[in-house]
Amino acid sequence: MTSPAAPEQHPIIRVRGLVNRFGKQVVHEGLDLDVFPNEIFGIVGGSGTGKSVLLRSILGLQVPAAGSVELYGKDIHRMSRAQRVEMTKHYGVTFQHGALISSLSVAENIQLPLREYMNLSDAALDELAELNLRLVGLPVDAGDKFPSQLSGGMIKRAALARSLVLEPKLLFLDEPTSGLDPISAAAFDTLLLYLRSHLHLTVVMITHDLDTLFRTCNRVGVIVDKRMITDTLPGLLKNDQPWIHDYFHGPRARSAQGTQHG
């Protein structure tokens, strides 16, 4: 596990007083969150605590009932459509199951953001797809395959390649190691740490994988009682809030703690 972000830095993501409700169901009530440059920030919580709703709120896809969400100092929900489109170029997103388009080759999937936002030749598109395949540790010939021909781990990497193709400095990952065997998950974690270091990325990651939390995260935000408790992993291990204690002191957690120095 790497050292926490310096507290004097200005947050890239700043959420204050977030309220999300669906009918009478209140999901978030006064949730606060800061994410600092060059950290890997994990988000955890029990089922129904609104982890994905929080992610959608940060991305501007879910309009909250109250509160503010700032990316790079700008309120995402007060932006014009043109400003929001411009902001999307500055972050990449991967979804839980990859969300690759099955009718397109892997290379064509990776090229989608380039085709949407840039006017490039076919040769340049192919070159950038190949570059990003190599960046995430996939063989170049994987670009000619279709998603159905890839393993689960390769799909995760292909989706990561697509999210990085516009060279964003902010990356959102939704359950990036779910469904992977332990060896593939560990390899993905190693790749994530490499990319964070070499590309100077800031990463926000929803995960249930305790091994991934202990291997990669600087800080973790736990959604409990409709709000967020944020701390380093050593701090959370000392927290006596019941859900946090059960989550971080169960048998799997004790096993995962051995990975943080691996």
Protein backbone atom coordinates (compact mmCIF):
# COMPACT_ATOMS: atom_id res chain seq x y z
CA MET A 1 0.00 0.00 0.00
CA THR A 2 1.29 3.44 -0.92
CA SER A 3 1.40 6.53 1.25
CA PRO A 4 -1.67 8.78 1.55
CA ALA A 5 -2.06 11.95 -0.47
CA ALA A 6 -0.68 15.13 1.04
CA PRO A 7 -3.46 16.99 2.87
CA GLU A 8 -2.44 20.40 1.50
CA GLN A 9 -3.33 19.38 -2.06
CA HIS A 10 -6.53 20.62 -3.64
CA PRO A 11 -8.98 17.81 -4.34
CA ILE A 12 -9.68 16.78 -7.93
CA ILE A 13 -13.12 15.59 -6.79
CA ARG A 14 -15.04 17.42 -4.09
CA VAL A 15 -18.51 16.28 -3.01
CA ARG A 16 -20.41 18.17 -0.32
CA GLY A 17 -23.77 17.46 1.26
CA LEU A 18 -24.84 14.99 -1.42
CA VAL A 19 -28.43 13.79 -1.18
CA ASN A 20 -29.81 11.11 -3.49
CA ARG A 21 -33.30 9.73 -3.13
CA PHE A 22 -35.61 7.59 -5.22
CA GLY A 23 -39.19 8.21 -4.13
CA LYS A 24 -39.25 7.70 -0.37
CA GLN A 25 -35.95 5.79 -0.38
CA VAL A 26 -33.05 7.97 0.71
CA VAL A 27 -29.73 6.57 -0.52
CA HIS A 28 -27.35 9.37 0.45
CA GLU A 29 -27.99 12.07 3.02
CA GLY A 30 -25.25 14.65 3.45
CA LEU A 31 -22.42 12.59 1.93
CA ASP A 32 -19.01 14.31 1.65
CA LEU A 33 -16.02 13.12 -0.37
CA ASP A 34 -12.58 14.42 -1.40
CA VAL A 35 -10.25 12.69 -3.84
CA PHE A 36 -6.72 14.06 -4.19
CA PRO A 37 -4.29 13.99 -7.13
CA ASN A 38 -2.37 10.78 -7.84
CA GLU A 39 -4.13 8.64 -5.25
CA ILE A 40 -6.09 5.44 -5.65
CA PHE A 41 -9.31 5.94 -3.73
CA GLY A 42 -11.46 2.90 -2.98
CA ILE A 43 -15.21 3.02 -2.37
CA VAL A 44 -16.87 0.23 -0.41
CA GLY A 45 -20.20 -0.33 1.30
CA GLY A 46 -22.90 -2.91 1.80
CA SER A 47 -25.53 -3.81 -0.79
CA GLY A 48 -27.94 -0.95 -1.39
CA THR A 49 -25.67 1.77 -0.02
CA GLY A 50 -25.51 3.50 -3.40
CA LYS A 51 -21.92 3.02 -4.53
CA SER A 52 -22.86 3.08 -8.22
CA VAL A 53 -25.34 5.92 -7.59
CA LEU A 54 -22.46 7.92 -6.11
CA LEU A 55 -20.33 7.21 -9.17
CA ARG A 56 -23.16 8.26 -11.48
CA SER A 57 -23.58 11.47 -9.45
CA ILE A 58 -19.89 12.30 -9.82
CA LEU A 59 -20.06 11.67 -13.57
CA GLY A 60 -23.12 13.89 -13.94
CA LEU A 61 -25.38 11.00 -14.95
CA GLN A 62 -27.47 11.17 -11.77
CA VAL A 63 -28.87 14.53 -10.68
CA PRO A 64 -28.83 14.66 -6.87
CA ALA A 65 -31.67 16.08 -4.80
CA ALA A 66 -29.18 18.33 -2.99
CA GLY A 67 -25.47 18.94 -2.59
CA SER A 68 -22.63 19.73 -4.95
CA VAL A 69 -20.16 17.69 -7.03
CA GLU A 70 -17.02 19.41 -8.28
CA LEU A 71 -14.48 18.02 -10.75
CA TYR A 72 -11.31 20.09 -11.06
CA GLY A 73 -13.06 22.88 -9.12
CA LYS A 74 -16.11 23.04 -11.39
CA ASP A 75 -19.62 21.98 -10.36
CA ILE A 76 -20.53 19.17 -12.75
CA HIS A 77 -24.26 19.77 -12.32
CA ARG A 78 -24.03 23.48 -13.16
CA MET A 79 -22.14 22.98 -16.41
CA SER A 80 -23.61 23.58 -19.83
CA ARG A 81 -23.90 20.60 -22.15
CA ALA A 82 -20.80 21.75 -24.07
CA GLN A 83 -18.79 22.13 -20.84
CA ARG A 84 -19.83 18.66 -19.69
CA VAL A 85 -18.83 17.11 -23.01
CA GLU A 86 -15.45 18.82 -22.72
CA MET A 87 -15.05 17.51 -19.16
CA THR A 88 -15.64 13.92 -20.27
CA LYS A 89 -12.38 14.08 -22.21
CA HIS A 90 -10.50 14.46 -18.92
CA TYR A 91 -11.60 11.19 -17.33
CA GLY A 92 -11.93 7.55 -18.30
CA VAL A 93 -14.49 5.04 -17.02
CA THR A 94 -14.63 1.26 -16.98
CA PHE A 95 -17.79 -0.57 -16.02
CA GLN A 96 -18.19 -3.79 -14.09
CA HIS A 97 -18.48 -6.16 -17.05
CA GLY A 98 -16.30 -4.19 -19.44
CA ALA A 99 -19.19 -2.79 -21.52
CA LEU A 100 -17.38 -3.56 -24.76
CA ILE A 101 -19.58 -3.50 -27.87
CA SER A 102 -19.82 -7.13 -28.98
CA SER A 103 -20.20 -6.36 -32.70
CA LEU A 104 -16.93 -4.38 -32.81
CA SER A 105 -13.40 -5.72 -32.66
CA VAL A 106 -11.30 -4.91 -29.62
CA ALA A 107 -9.34 -2.32 -31.62
CA GLU A 108 -12.58 -0.71 -32.81
CA ASN A 109 -13.84 -0.57 -29.22
CA ILE A 110 -10.64 1.17 -28.12
CA GLN A 111 -10.94 3.65 -30.99
CA LEU A 112 -14.51 4.72 -30.11
CA PRO A 113 -13.57 7.74 -27.93
CA LEU A 114 -11.04 8.86 -30.55
CA ARG A 115 -13.67 8.74 -33.29
CA GLU A 116 -16.10 10.70 -31.12
CA TYR A 117 -13.79 13.49 -30.05
CA MET A 118 -10.95 13.65 -32.58
CA ASN A 119 -10.52 13.75 -36.36
CA LEU A 120 -7.79 11.19 -37.04
CA SER A 121 -6.75 9.10 -39.99
CA ASP A 122 -7.36 5.35 -40.00
CA ALA A 123 -3.61 4.82 -39.70
CA ALA A 124 -3.45 7.02 -36.60
CA LEU A 125 -6.45 5.25 -35.08
CA ASP A 126 -4.81 1.88 -35.61
CA GLU A 127 -1.52 3.09 -34.16
CA LEU A 128 -3.18 4.45 -31.02
CA ALA A 129 -5.22 1.27 -30.55
CA GLU A 130 -2.02 -0.78 -30.76
CA LEU A 131 -0.22 1.56 -28.35
CA ASN A 132 -2.99 1.25 -25.76
CA LEU A 133 -3.17 -2.53 -26.13
CA ARG A 134 0.52 -2.68 -25.29
CA LEU A 135 0.03 -0.22 -22.44
CA VAL A 136 -2.39 -2.56 -20.65
CA GLY A 137 -0.33 -5.68 -21.37
CA LEU A 138 -2.40 -7.18 -24.19
CA PRO A 139 -0.85 -8.63 -27.37
CA VAL A 140 -1.33 -6.56 -30.49
CA ASP A 141 -3.26 -9.35 -32.21
CA ALA A 142 -5.95 -9.05 -29.52
CA GLY A 143 -7.10 -5.96 -31.39
CA ASP A 144 -8.43 -8.09 -34.25
CA LYS A 145 -10.52 -10.26 -31.94
CA PHE A 146 -14.08 -9.71 -30.75
CA PRO A 147 -14.97 -9.41 -27.06
CA SER A 148 -16.52 -12.90 -27.08
CA GLN A 149 -13.11 -14.33 -27.95
CA LEU A 150 -11.39 -12.83 -24.90
CA SER A 151 -11.00 -14.15 -21.36
CA GLY A 152 -12.47 -12.19 -18.48
CA GLY A 153 -9.11 -10.70 -17.60
CA MET A 154 -8.47 -9.64 -21.19
CA ILE A 155 -11.89 -7.96 -21.36
CA LYS A 156 -11.03 -5.94 -18.25
CA ARG A 157 -7.74 -4.86 -19.82
CA ALA A 158 -9.36 -4.01 -23.16
CA ALA A 159 -11.93 -1.85 -21.37
CA LEU A 160 -9.08 -0.17 -19.47
CA ALA A 161 -7.26 0.48 -22.77
CA ARG A 162 -10.39 2.19 -24.14
CA SER A 163 -10.73 4.33 -21.00
CA LEU A 164 -7.11 5.52 -21.33
CA VAL A 165 -7.05 6.24 -25.06
CA LEU A 166 -7.76 10.00 -24.64
CA GLU A 167 -4.94 10.19 -22.07
CA PRO A 168 -7.10 11.25 -19.10
CA LYS A 169 -5.57 11.92 -15.70
CA LEU A 170 -8.67 10.73 -13.80
CA LEU A 171 -9.93 7.18 -13.97
CA PHE A 172 -13.14 5.65 -12.58
CA LEU A 173 -13.26 1.86 -12.17
CA ASP A 174 -16.43 -0.04 -11.24
CA GLU A 175 -15.55 -3.45 -9.77
CA PRO A 176 -12.44 -3.86 -11.98
CA THR A 177 -11.45 -7.29 -10.61
CA SER A 178 -14.91 -8.83 -10.14
CA GLY A 179 -15.18 -12.25 -11.74
CA LEU A 180 -11.41 -12.67 -12.06
CA ASP A 181 -9.44 -15.52 -10.52
CA PRO A 182 -6.94 -14.45 -7.81
CA ILE A 183 -3.93 -14.54 -10.15
CA SER A 184 -5.64 -12.42 -12.82
CA ALA A 185 -6.93 -10.01 -10.17
CA ALA A 186 -3.46 -9.60 -8.68
CA ALA A 187 -2.03 -8.98 -12.16
CA PHE A 188 -4.66 -6.30 -12.77
CA ASP A 189 -3.78 -4.64 -9.45
CA THR A 190 -0.10 -4.62 -10.41
CA LEU A 191 -1.00 -3.07 -13.78
CA LEU A 192 -3.11 -0.41 -12.07
CA LEU A 193 -0.25 0.59 -9.76
CA TYR A 194 2.12 0.72 -12.74
CA LEU A 195 -0.25 2.94 -14.75
CA ARG A 196 -0.95 5.21 -11.78
CA SER A 197 2.78 5.73 -11.28
CA HIS A 198 3.79 6.18 -14.92
CA LEU A 199 0.77 8.10 -16.21
CA HIS A 200 0.26 10.12 -12.99
CA LEU A 201 -3.33 8.96 -12.74
CA THR A 202 -5.87 9.61 -10.03
CA VAL A 203 -8.11 6.57 -9.62
CA VAL A 204 -11.54 6.20 -8.02
CA MET A 205 -12.50 2.55 -7.67
CA ILE A 206 -15.61 0.78 -6.46
CA THR A 207 -14.62 -2.68 -5.31
CA HIS A 208 -15.61 -5.54 -3.03
CA ASP A 209 -12.17 -7.12 -3.43
CA LEU A 210 -10.32 -6.81 -0.14
CA ASP A 211 -7.07 -7.97 -1.72
CA THR A 212 -7.33 -5.12 -4.24
CA LEU A 213 -8.06 -2.61 -1.47
CA PHE A 214 -5.02 -3.59 0.52
CA ARG A 215 -2.75 -3.85 -2.52
CA THR A 216 -3.61 -0.60 -4.24
CA CYS A 217 -5.57 2.00 -2.26
CA ASN A 218 -4.16 5.05 -0.52
CA ARG A 219 -7.46 5.79 1.19
CA VAL A 220 -10.89 4.17 1.32
CA GLY A 221 -14.33 5.71 1.64
CA VAL A 222 -16.96 3.54 3.32
CA ILE A 223 -20.63 4.35 2.74
CA VAL A 224 -22.47 3.71 6.00
CA ASP A 225 -25.68 5.26 7.31
CA LYS A 226 -26.10 7.17 4.01
CA ARG A 227 -22.82 9.06 4.48
CA MET A 228 -19.14 8.35 3.90
CA ILE A 229 -16.39 7.63 6.41
CA THR A 230 -12.99 8.12 4.79
CA ASP A 231 -9.61 7.06 6.15
CA THR A 232 -6.43 5.19 5.35
CA LEU A 233 -6.64 1.42 5.73
CA PRO A 234 -4.72 1.47 9.06
CA GLY A 235 -7.25 4.04 10.29
CA LEU A 236 -10.24 1.98 9.16
CA LEU A 237 -8.81 -1.09 10.86
CA LYS A 238 -9.07 0.82 14.14
CA ASN A 239 -12.59 2.09 13.48
CA ASP A 240 -15.20 0.51 15.73
CA GLN A 241 -18.24 1.35 13.58
CA PRO A 242 -20.01 -2.06 13.39
CA TRP A 243 -20.14 -2.53 9.61
CA ILE A 244 -16.59 -1.26 9.14
CA HIS A 245 -15.32 -3.51 11.94
CA ASP A 246 -17.04 -6.59 10.51
CA TYR A 247 -15.86 -5.84 6.97
CA PHE A 248 -12.22 -5.21 7.82
CA HIS A 249 -11.80 -7.86 10.52
CA GLY A 250 -13.43 -10.91 8.95
CA PRO A 251 -11.40 -13.95 7.79
CA ARG A 252 -10.97 -12.60 4.24
CA ALA A 253 -9.82 -9.24 5.56
CA ARG A 254 -7.17 -10.83 7.76
CA SER A 255 -5.89 -12.74 4.73
CA ALA A 256 -5.95 -9.65 2.52
CA GLN A 257 -3.92 -7.59 4.99
CA GLY A 258 -0.94 -9.73 4.15
CA THR A 259 -1.02 -8.42 0.57
CA GLN A 260 -0.44 -4.77 1.38
CA HIS A 261 3.30 -5.19 1.55
CA GLY A 262 3.44 -7.61 -1.36
